[in-house]
Amino acid sequence: MGSDDWLAFKREEFKRWMEDERRRTGLSRAVAAYTSAKAKALSRLPELEEIRREVRKIKERSIQQMDELVKITMDSVREVKGEAYLARDAEEAREIVSDLTGNGKLVVKSKSLTGDEIGINEALEERGNSVYETDLGEFIIQLRKEKPTHIINPSVHVPREEVAKTFSELLGRPVSSEIPALVGIARDYLREKFCHADVGITGANVVSAKTGTIFIVENEGNARFVSNAPPKHICLTGIEKIVPTLSDAFKVLQVLPPYATGVFMSAYVSMITGPSKTADIEKTIVYGAHGPKELHLVLLDNGRSRMAEDEAFREALYCIRCGGCMYECPVYRIIGGSFGNNYFGGIGLIWSAFTTGDEKVAAAVDACTKCGRCKEVCPLEIDTPRMVERLKQSLVKGGFVQPKHAEIMESILKKGNPFNEDEREDRSRG
């Protein structure tokens, strides 16, 4: 980007969002539904108050020993006949996943924030692979050639009428805008992809280091197909998702669904420890029974270790990705997915800065009002406003200053006031 491009491109994104009534409609409907569902779920689960505080402590300890937990996890996965890899950055992660996938393969994916972070779809398609998103929201976004705008509900900005248009183009015939009918279309279209895929790629919500167990939480059931039907399962996840034990992982899972989607517990929780196996013939273990013959866990750093070493931003790694803060954010409600970059909302500013660079979020930082609403609703009470303020300070030092702000700053330094008035004129005003 040029010297001022960091500001211009984000300003244009903001403008498009604020002028797009269809996006605002979709987001407004989602906010209303989420707020009601979460309130109902939390009222029925008072025990979560204590559990969420325990999860905060678990995350604190886990991040403090993140390097050690990475090693333990990789050893545990290999012990159960899986393979494990540590990718230091996005490029290395793309290379690992692309080499594991090969060329010209049919690939099905479940929703993966880390996959979006490193641009894995584009990397795989460059090698002649056909990649299908199977989460309904991600599938809609993929068809529309748009980027996600929420970490849990990526197509939250697309109202049902627009989804119907998109599916009509896919099938070559008019389809109903009734939501159940739209879900049915996606189900029918993707079922054949699951059955014939060569590779399934998932993320992970949490990983138990001691056992090498991957936890995948979902409501649709697509991640189970992705992780179970193809002969090869690749799991790509960030190193901050690792916790020491199964007990720790279960506590995270209790907190996530109510805050993420307003349900008591997600419809499906998959625990994957190694590839499929059987010992039904003479107690001899054979790998590759009905499920995948291969399991590959790719652990991604890509700025996370640097974040963990920085006391000002370490707290961002505690995020369990419920996404509730975004729905409660008054700024996100207006400018949606333009508030951030590959991650969204106030917490997304921190994550995007560390994973894709300061330039990608420099113009969006000033959109945060630091009202504190995100901290109030966060189950782990992450102080995002404090981190956003520190990020802004860092960006200013790095030269990312709004022209008007620079003008005011210069006036204060030279003339002692923000109005660019000399001292005599300033006194006369008094």
Protein backbone atom coordinates (compact mmCIF):
# COMPACT_ATOMS: atom_id res chain seq x y z
CA MET A 1 0.00 0.00 0.00
CA GLY A 2 1.03 3.61 -0.53
CA SER A 3 1.62 6.05 2.27
CA ASP A 4 -2.07 6.90 2.70
CA ASP A 5 -3.66 3.73 1.33
CA TRP A 6 -3.99 2.24 4.80
CA LEU A 7 -6.51 4.97 5.56
CA ALA A 8 -8.30 5.18 2.21
CA PHE A 9 -9.17 1.51 1.77
CA LYS A 10 -10.73 1.17 5.22
CA ARG A 11 -12.65 4.42 4.85
CA GLU A 12 -14.18 3.00 1.68
CA GLU A 13 -15.08 -0.24 3.49
CA PHE A 14 -16.82 1.70 6.24
CA LYS A 15 -18.73 3.72 3.68
CA ARG A 16 -19.93 0.60 1.81
CA TRP A 17 -21.18 -0.99 5.02
CA MET A 18 -23.02 2.09 6.26
CA GLU A 19 -24.75 2.54 2.92
CA ASP A 20 -25.69 -1.13 2.44
CA GLU A 21 -29.19 -1.54 3.84
CA ARG A 22 -29.27 -5.27 3.02
CA ARG A 23 -26.25 -5.96 5.22
CA ARG A 24 -27.65 -3.82 8.01
CA THR A 25 -30.94 -5.70 7.80
CA GLY A 26 -29.28 -9.10 8.09
CA LEU A 27 -27.11 -7.98 11.00
CA SER A 28 -30.02 -6.38 12.87
CA ARG A 29 -32.07 -9.58 12.65
CA ALA A 30 -29.13 -11.63 13.91
CA VAL A 31 -28.41 -9.31 16.84
CA ALA A 32 -32.01 -9.48 18.03
CA ALA A 33 -32.14 -13.28 17.79
CA TYR A 34 -28.76 -13.76 19.49
CA THR A 35 -29.43 -11.36 22.37
CA SER A 36 -32.69 -13.07 23.25
CA ALA A 37 -31.27 -16.60 23.01
CA LYS A 38 -28.19 -15.82 25.11
CA ALA A 39 -30.20 -14.18 27.87
CA LYS A 40 -32.47 -17.23 28.07
CA ALA A 41 -29.57 -19.68 28.13
CA LEU A 42 -27.63 -17.83 30.82
CA SER A 43 -30.71 -17.53 33.03
CA ARG A 44 -30.97 -21.33 32.98
CA LEU A 45 -27.26 -21.91 33.64
CA PRO A 46 -26.29 -19.95 36.78
CA GLU A 47 -23.40 -22.34 37.41
CA LEU A 48 -21.57 -20.79 34.46
CA GLU A 49 -20.61 -17.81 36.61
CA GLU A 50 -18.16 -19.96 38.54
CA ILE A 51 -17.09 -22.06 35.56
CA ARG A 52 -16.25 -19.08 33.35
CA ARG A 53 -13.93 -17.74 36.05
CA GLU A 54 -12.24 -21.13 36.18
CA VAL A 55 -11.81 -21.03 32.41
CA ARG A 56 -10.13 -17.64 32.71
CA LYS A 57 -7.56 -19.18 35.07
CA ILE A 58 -7.10 -22.18 32.77
CA LYS A 59 -6.35 -19.88 29.85
CA GLU A 60 -3.96 -17.77 31.92
CA ARG A 61 -1.95 -20.87 32.90
CA SER A 62 -2.09 -22.31 29.40
CA ILE A 63 -0.71 -19.20 27.73
CA GLN A 64 2.07 -18.96 30.31
CA GLN A 65 3.23 -22.46 29.36
CA MET A 66 2.22 -22.38 25.70
CA ASP A 67 5.56 -23.55 24.29
CA GLU A 68 5.62 -26.53 26.65
CA LEU A 69 2.02 -27.43 25.85
CA VAL A 70 2.76 -27.36 22.11
CA LYS A 71 5.51 -29.94 22.58
CA ILE A 72 3.33 -32.13 24.82
CA THR A 73 0.48 -31.98 22.30
CA MET A 74 2.66 -32.94 19.36
CA ASP A 75 4.12 -35.88 21.29
CA SER A 76 0.64 -37.00 22.37
CA VAL A 77 -0.77 -36.86 18.83
CA ARG A 78 2.13 -38.89 17.48
CA GLU A 79 1.72 -41.41 20.27
CA VAL A 80 -1.82 -42.15 19.08
CA LYS A 81 -0.59 -42.57 15.48
CA GLY A 82 -1.46 -39.11 14.23
CA GLU A 83 1.01 -36.60 12.79
CA ALA A 84 1.68 -33.16 14.22
CA TYR A 85 3.36 -30.06 12.78
CA LEU A 86 4.20 -26.58 14.07
CA ALA A 87 3.86 -23.77 11.52
CA ARG A 88 5.71 -20.62 12.55
CA ASP A 89 3.83 -18.36 10.14
CA ALA A 90 1.03 -18.32 7.58
CA GLU A 91 3.29 -19.20 4.66
CA GLU A 92 4.66 -22.27 6.41
CA ALA A 93 1.14 -23.37 7.37
CA ARG A 94 -0.06 -23.05 3.77
CA GLU A 95 2.88 -25.14 2.58
CA ILE A 96 2.24 -27.88 5.14
CA VAL A 97 -1.49 -28.15 4.43
CA SER A 98 -1.00 -27.91 0.66
CA ASP A 99 1.65 -30.65 0.67
CA LEU A 100 -0.57 -32.89 2.81
CA THR A 101 -3.52 -32.30 0.48
CA GLY A 102 -1.73 -32.73 -2.83
CA ASN A 103 -3.00 -31.62 -6.24
CA GLY A 104 -6.32 -32.03 -7.99
CA LYS A 105 -8.19 -33.29 -4.90
CA LEU A 106 -11.74 -32.77 -3.67
CA VAL A 107 -11.54 -30.99 -0.33
CA VAL A 108 -14.34 -30.33 2.14
CA LYS A 109 -13.88 -27.84 4.97
CA SER A 110 -15.69 -27.00 8.14
CA LYS A 111 -15.56 -23.47 9.52
CA SER A 112 -11.98 -22.55 10.43
CA LEU A 113 -10.86 -19.12 11.55
CA THR A 114 -7.24 -20.17 11.23
CA GLY A 115 -7.94 -21.34 7.68
CA ASP A 116 -9.31 -17.89 6.85
CA GLU A 117 -6.36 -16.30 8.65
CA ILE A 118 -3.79 -17.91 6.37
CA GLY A 119 -5.86 -17.96 3.16
CA ILE A 120 -5.79 -21.74 2.85
CA ASN A 121 -8.61 -21.99 0.31
CA GLU A 122 -6.76 -19.83 -2.20
CA ALA A 123 -3.53 -21.78 -1.65
CA LEU A 124 -5.25 -25.12 -2.25
CA GLU A 125 -7.12 -23.89 -5.32
CA GLU A 126 -3.85 -22.68 -6.85
CA ARG A 127 -2.77 -26.34 -6.84
CA GLY A 128 -5.87 -27.45 -8.72
CA ASN A 129 -7.91 -28.61 -5.74
CA SER A 130 -11.68 -28.11 -5.51
CA VAL A 131 -12.50 -26.70 -2.08
CA TYR A 132 -16.00 -26.63 -0.63
CA GLU A 133 -17.00 -24.85 2.56
CA THR A 134 -19.63 -26.95 4.34
CA ASP A 135 -20.67 -24.68 7.20
CA LEU A 136 -23.84 -23.00 5.92
CA GLY A 137 -22.57 -19.48 6.59
CA GLU A 138 -19.18 -20.13 5.04
CA PHE A 139 -20.85 -21.85 2.06
CA ILE A 140 -22.98 -18.76 1.45
CA ILE A 141 -19.96 -16.48 1.69
CA GLN A 142 -17.93 -18.70 -0.64
CA LEU A 143 -20.66 -18.64 -3.28
CA ARG A 144 -21.00 -14.86 -3.00
CA LYS A 145 -17.22 -14.39 -3.13
CA GLU A 146 -17.31 -12.27 0.00
CA LYS A 147 -15.29 -12.37 3.18
CA PRO A 148 -16.79 -13.48 6.52
CA THR A 149 -18.05 -10.76 8.82
CA HIS A 150 -18.35 -12.66 12.10
CA ILE A 151 -16.26 -15.43 13.65
CA ILE A 152 -19.25 -17.62 14.58
CA ASN A 153 -21.80 -16.55 11.98
CA PRO A 154 -19.76 -15.59 8.89
CA SER A 155 -22.77 -14.70 6.72
CA VAL A 156 -24.63 -12.80 9.42
CA HIS A 157 -24.82 -9.73 7.16
CA VAL A 158 -26.66 -11.60 4.37
CA PRO A 159 -30.46 -11.51 4.75
CA ARG A 160 -32.48 -14.55 3.67
CA GLU A 161 -33.70 -12.81 0.50
CA GLU A 162 -30.09 -12.45 -0.68
CA VAL A 163 -29.31 -16.06 0.23
CA ALA A 164 -32.22 -17.13 -1.95
CA LYS A 165 -30.80 -15.15 -4.89
CA THR A 166 -27.39 -16.75 -4.37
CA PHE A 167 -28.83 -20.28 -4.28
CA SER A 168 -31.00 -19.54 -7.30
CA GLU A 169 -27.86 -18.70 -9.27
CA LEU A 170 -26.17 -21.88 -8.02
CA LEU A 171 -29.02 -24.17 -9.06
CA GLY A 172 -30.19 -22.26 -12.13
CA ARG A 173 -33.75 -22.02 -10.90
CA PRO A 174 -35.77 -19.81 -8.50
CA VAL A 175 -35.77 -20.91 -4.87
CA SER A 176 -37.84 -19.90 -1.88
CA SER A 177 -36.48 -17.39 0.64
CA GLU A 178 -37.92 -19.42 3.52
CA ILE A 179 -35.02 -20.26 5.81
CA PRO A 180 -35.79 -24.01 6.24
CA ALA A 181 -35.91 -24.39 2.45
CA LEU A 182 -32.54 -22.65 2.08
CA VAL A 183 -30.98 -24.93 4.68
CA GLY A 184 -32.38 -27.94 2.81
CA ILE A 185 -30.77 -26.80 -0.44
CA ALA A 186 -27.35 -26.59 1.18
CA ARG A 187 -27.85 -30.00 2.79
CA ASP A 188 -28.70 -31.67 -0.51
CA TYR A 189 -25.98 -29.95 -2.50
CA LEU A 190 -23.13 -30.69 -0.06
CA ARG A 191 -24.05 -34.28 0.85
CA GLU A 192 -22.43 -35.67 -2.27
CA LYS A 193 -19.25 -33.66 -1.61
CA PHE A 194 -18.83 -35.24 1.83
CA CYS A 195 -19.09 -38.74 0.42
CA HIS A 196 -16.54 -38.27 -2.37
CA ALA A 197 -14.00 -35.93 -0.74
CA ASP A 198 -10.34 -36.93 -0.60
CA VAL A 199 -9.46 -34.61 2.28
CA GLY A 200 -11.37 -33.01 5.14
CA ILE A 201 -10.03 -29.87 6.80
CA THR A 202 -11.30 -28.62 10.15
CA GLY A 203 -10.27 -26.23 12.87
CA ALA A 204 -10.51 -26.97 16.59
CA ASN A 205 -12.23 -25.20 19.46
CA VAL A 206 -9.86 -26.60 22.06
CA VAL A 207 -7.07 -29.20 22.23
CA SER A 208 -6.09 -31.31 25.24
CA ALA A 209 -2.30 -31.53 25.42
CA LYS A 210 -2.07 -34.56 27.69
CA THR A 211 -4.12 -36.83 25.43
CA GLY A 212 -3.71 -35.10 22.07
CA THR A 213 -7.50 -34.84 21.81
CA ILE A 214 -9.04 -32.42 19.34
CA PHE A 215 -12.44 -30.96 20.31
CA ILE A 216 -14.77 -29.64 17.61
CA VAL A 217 -17.99 -27.95 18.68
CA GLU A 218 -20.81 -27.41 16.18
CA ASN A 219 -24.56 -27.39 15.64
CA GLU A 220 -24.90 -28.30 11.96
CA GLY A 221 -23.18 -31.70 11.90
CA ASN A 222 -21.04 -30.77 8.91
CA ALA A 223 -17.77 -30.86 10.87
CA ARG A 224 -18.46 -34.50 11.78
CA PHE A 225 -18.75 -35.38 8.11
CA VAL A 226 -15.61 -33.39 7.28
CA SER A 227 -13.56 -35.00 10.06
CA ASN A 228 -14.96 -38.50 9.58
CA ALA A 229 -15.91 -39.24 5.96
CA PRO A 230 -12.76 -38.48 3.91
CA PRO A 231 -9.74 -40.79 4.24
CA LYS A 232 -7.52 -37.92 5.39
CA HIS A 233 -8.34 -35.42 8.14
CA ILE A 234 -6.25 -32.26 8.53
CA CYS A 235 -6.91 -30.12 11.59
CA LEU A 236 -5.49 -26.59 11.48
CA THR A 237 -5.65 -24.64 14.74
CA GLY A 238 -3.85 -21.95 16.70
CA ILE A 239 -1.48 -22.85 19.52
CA GLU A 240 -3.53 -20.72 21.92
CA LYS A 241 -6.32 -23.32 21.74
CA ILE A 242 -4.26 -25.84 23.75
CA VAL A 243 -5.10 -26.51 27.40
CA PRO A 244 -3.33 -29.03 29.65
CA THR A 245 -5.99 -31.71 30.29
CA LEU A 246 -9.34 -33.15 29.23
CA SER A 247 -10.91 -31.69 32.37
CA ASP A 248 -9.74 -28.21 31.36
CA ALA A 249 -11.12 -28.70 27.85
CA PHE A 250 -14.54 -29.75 29.12
CA LYS A 251 -14.81 -26.56 31.17
CA VAL A 252 -14.11 -24.46 28.09
CA LEU A 253 -16.80 -26.39 26.24
CA GLN A 254 -19.38 -25.63 28.93
CA VAL A 255 -18.87 -21.90 28.57
CA LEU A 256 -18.60 -21.61 24.79
CA PRO A 257 -22.07 -22.58 23.43
CA PRO A 258 -24.27 -20.31 25.60
CA TYR A 259 -22.11 -17.27 24.91
CA ALA A 260 -21.54 -18.12 21.24
CA THR A 261 -25.01 -19.04 20.01
CA GLY A 262 -27.32 -18.86 23.02
CA VAL A 263 -27.79 -22.64 23.40
CA PHE A 264 -27.28 -24.71 26.55
CA MET A 265 -24.92 -27.03 24.71
CA SER A 266 -24.04 -27.41 21.04
CA ALA A 267 -25.72 -30.21 19.11
CA TYR A 268 -22.41 -31.95 18.43
CA VAL A 269 -19.14 -32.13 20.34
CA SER A 270 -16.55 -34.31 18.61
CA MET A 271 -13.52 -35.64 20.50
CA ILE A 272 -10.88 -36.90 18.10
CA THR A 273 -7.83 -38.74 19.41
CA GLY A 274 -5.84 -40.16 16.51
CA PRO A 275 -7.12 -41.69 13.25
CA SER A 276 -9.90 -44.29 13.21
CA LYS A 277 -8.88 -47.75 14.34
CA THR A 278 -10.17 -51.19 15.26
CA ALA A 279 -8.85 -54.18 17.23
CA ASP A 280 -11.80 -56.48 16.66
CA ILE A 281 -9.73 -59.19 14.98
CA GLU A 282 -7.43 -60.91 17.48
CA LYS A 283 -7.03 -57.62 19.39
CA THR A 284 -4.66 -56.43 16.68
CA ILE A 285 -4.94 -52.68 16.12
CA VAL A 286 -5.45 -51.63 12.51
CA TYR A 287 -5.68 -47.89 11.63
CA GLY A 288 -8.23 -46.70 9.12
CA ALA A 289 -11.50 -48.44 9.90
CA HIS A 290 -14.68 -46.57 8.92
CA GLY A 291 -13.16 -43.15 9.56
CA PRO A 292 -10.00 -41.44 8.29
CA LYS A 293 -6.82 -43.45 7.85
CA GLU A 294 -4.74 -40.36 8.56
CA LEU A 295 -4.97 -37.53 11.11
CA HIS A 296 -2.72 -34.49 10.76
CA LEU A 297 -2.71 -31.71 13.36
CA VAL A 298 -1.16 -28.45 12.13
CA LEU A 299 -0.52 -26.03 14.99
CA LEU A 300 -0.23 -22.40 13.92
CA ASP A 301 1.84 -19.72 15.64
CA ASN A 302 1.74 -16.74 13.22
CA GLY A 303 2.22 -14.02 15.82
CA ARG A 304 0.75 -15.84 18.81
CA SER A 305 4.07 -16.36 20.58
CA ARG A 306 4.87 -12.69 20.08
CA MET A 307 1.49 -11.81 21.56
CA ALA A 308 2.10 -14.07 24.55
CA GLU A 309 5.41 -12.35 25.26
CA ASP A 310 3.82 -8.90 25.26
CA GLU A 311 2.15 -8.14 28.59
CA ALA A 312 0.06 -5.41 26.97
CA PHE A 313 -1.63 -7.84 24.58
CA ARG A 314 -1.26 -11.32 26.11
CA GLU A 315 -4.84 -11.22 27.37
CA ALA A 316 -6.16 -11.40 23.79
CA LEU A 317 -5.00 -15.03 23.69
CA TYR A 318 -7.53 -15.91 26.39
CA CYS A 319 -10.37 -15.42 23.88
CA ILE A 320 -12.42 -18.60 23.36
CA ARG A 321 -13.98 -17.25 20.15
CA CYS A 322 -17.59 -17.03 21.27
CA GLY A 323 -18.06 -13.82 19.26
CA GLY A 324 -20.62 -12.43 21.71
CA CYS A 325 -18.72 -9.17 22.12
CA MET A 326 -19.34 -8.31 18.47
CA TYR A 327 -23.10 -8.52 18.70
CA GLU A 328 -23.01 -6.28 21.77
CA CYS A 329 -20.62 -3.74 20.20
CA PRO A 330 -22.41 -0.55 19.05
CA VAL A 331 -19.76 0.05 16.38
CA TYR A 332 -19.88 -3.49 14.97
CA ARG A 333 -23.67 -3.21 14.72
CA ILE A 334 -23.17 -0.34 12.27
CA ILE A 335 -20.06 -1.21 10.28
CA GLY A 336 -20.02 -4.99 10.73
CA GLY A 337 -17.19 -6.94 9.14
CA SER A 338 -15.32 -3.79 8.12
CA PHE A 339 -14.55 -3.28 11.83
CA GLY A 340 -11.35 -5.30 11.80
CA ASN A 341 -9.68 -7.38 9.10
CA ASN A 342 -9.45 -11.18 9.26
CA TYR A 343 -10.82 -10.99 12.82
CA PHE A 344 -13.56 -8.58 13.79
CA GLY A 345 -14.66 -6.20 16.53
CA GLY A 346 -12.41 -4.71 19.20
CA ILE A 347 -10.71 -8.01 20.01
CA GLY A 348 -10.34 -8.55 16.27
CA LEU A 349 -8.23 -5.40 15.98
CA ILE A 350 -5.63 -6.97 18.27
CA TRP A 351 -5.73 -10.35 16.55
CA SER A 352 -5.55 -8.86 13.05
CA ALA A 353 -2.61 -6.64 14.00
CA PHE A 354 -0.58 -9.61 15.23
CA THR A 355 -1.55 -12.08 12.50
CA THR A 356 -1.68 -9.86 9.38
CA GLY A 357 0.11 -6.65 10.35
CA ASP A 358 -0.56 -3.16 11.68
CA GLU A 359 -1.41 -1.66 8.30
CA LYS A 360 -4.52 -3.82 7.98
CA VAL A 361 -6.14 -2.38 11.12
CA ALA A 362 -4.55 1.06 11.52
CA ALA A 363 -7.55 2.93 10.12
CA ALA A 364 -10.10 0.82 12.03
CA VAL A 365 -8.67 1.48 15.49
CA ASP A 366 -10.25 4.92 15.70
CA ALA A 367 -13.68 3.38 15.11
CA CYS A 368 -13.54 1.77 18.57
CA THR A 369 -15.16 4.05 21.15
CA LYS A 370 -13.67 2.02 24.04
CA CYS A 371 -17.11 2.05 25.66
CA GLY A 372 -16.25 -1.15 27.54
CA ARG A 373 -19.35 -3.07 26.53
CA CYS A 374 -17.22 -5.90 25.12
CA LYS A 375 -15.47 -6.42 28.46
CA GLU A 376 -18.80 -6.43 30.31
CA VAL A 377 -20.26 -9.26 28.21
CA CYS A 378 -17.07 -11.30 27.75
CA PRO A 379 -17.27 -14.58 29.70
CA LEU A 380 -13.55 -14.26 30.49
CA GLU A 381 -13.75 -10.51 31.17
CA ILE A 382 -11.01 -9.71 28.65
CA ASP A 383 -10.11 -6.02 28.83
CA THR A 384 -10.29 -5.30 25.12
CA PRO A 385 -10.66 -1.49 25.45
CA ARG A 386 -7.34 -1.29 27.30
CA MET A 387 -5.60 -3.33 24.58
CA VAL A 388 -7.14 -1.24 21.80
CA GLU A 389 -5.81 1.91 23.44
CA ARG A 390 -2.33 0.37 23.69
CA LEU A 391 -2.56 -0.74 20.06
CA LYS A 392 -3.48 2.78 19.01
CA GLN A 393 -0.46 4.16 20.86
CA SER A 394 1.77 1.64 19.12
CA LEU A 395 0.30 2.48 15.70
CA VAL A 396 0.86 6.22 16.23
CA LYS A 397 4.50 5.54 17.09
CA GLY A 398 4.72 3.50 13.90
CA GLY A 399 3.54 6.46 11.81
CA PHE A 400 -0.11 5.52 11.36
CA VAL A 401 -1.66 8.89 12.19
CA GLN A 402 -4.87 10.34 10.78
CA PRO A 403 -3.98 13.60 8.94
CA LYS A 404 -6.40 15.66 11.03
CA HIS A 405 -5.02 14.15 14.22
CA ALA A 406 -1.49 14.97 13.10
CA GLU A 407 -2.55 18.55 12.42
CA ILE A 408 -4.06 18.92 15.90
CA MET A 409 -1.02 17.33 17.53
CA GLU A 410 1.33 19.69 15.72
CA SER A 411 -0.77 22.69 16.78
CA ILE A 412 -0.70 21.64 20.42
CA LEU A 413 3.05 21.13 20.37
CA LYS A 414 3.80 24.41 18.57
CA LYS A 415 1.12 26.75 19.86
CA GLY A 416 -0.20 25.08 22.99
CA ASN A 417 -3.74 24.65 21.65
CA PRO A 418 -5.54 22.46 19.08
CA PHE A 419 -6.92 25.41 17.10
CA ASN A 420 -3.68 26.46 15.34
CA GLU A 421 -3.94 29.90 16.97
CA ASP A 422 -1.01 31.86 18.29
CA GLU A 423 -0.77 32.73 21.99
CA ARG A 424 -2.15 36.30 21.68
CA GLU A 425 -5.24 35.18 19.75
CA ASP A 426 -5.78 32.37 22.27
CA ARG A 427 -5.71 34.82 25.23
CA SER A 428 -8.12 37.17 23.52
CA ARG A 429 -10.62 34.34 23.28
CA GLY A 430 -10.49 34.04 27.06
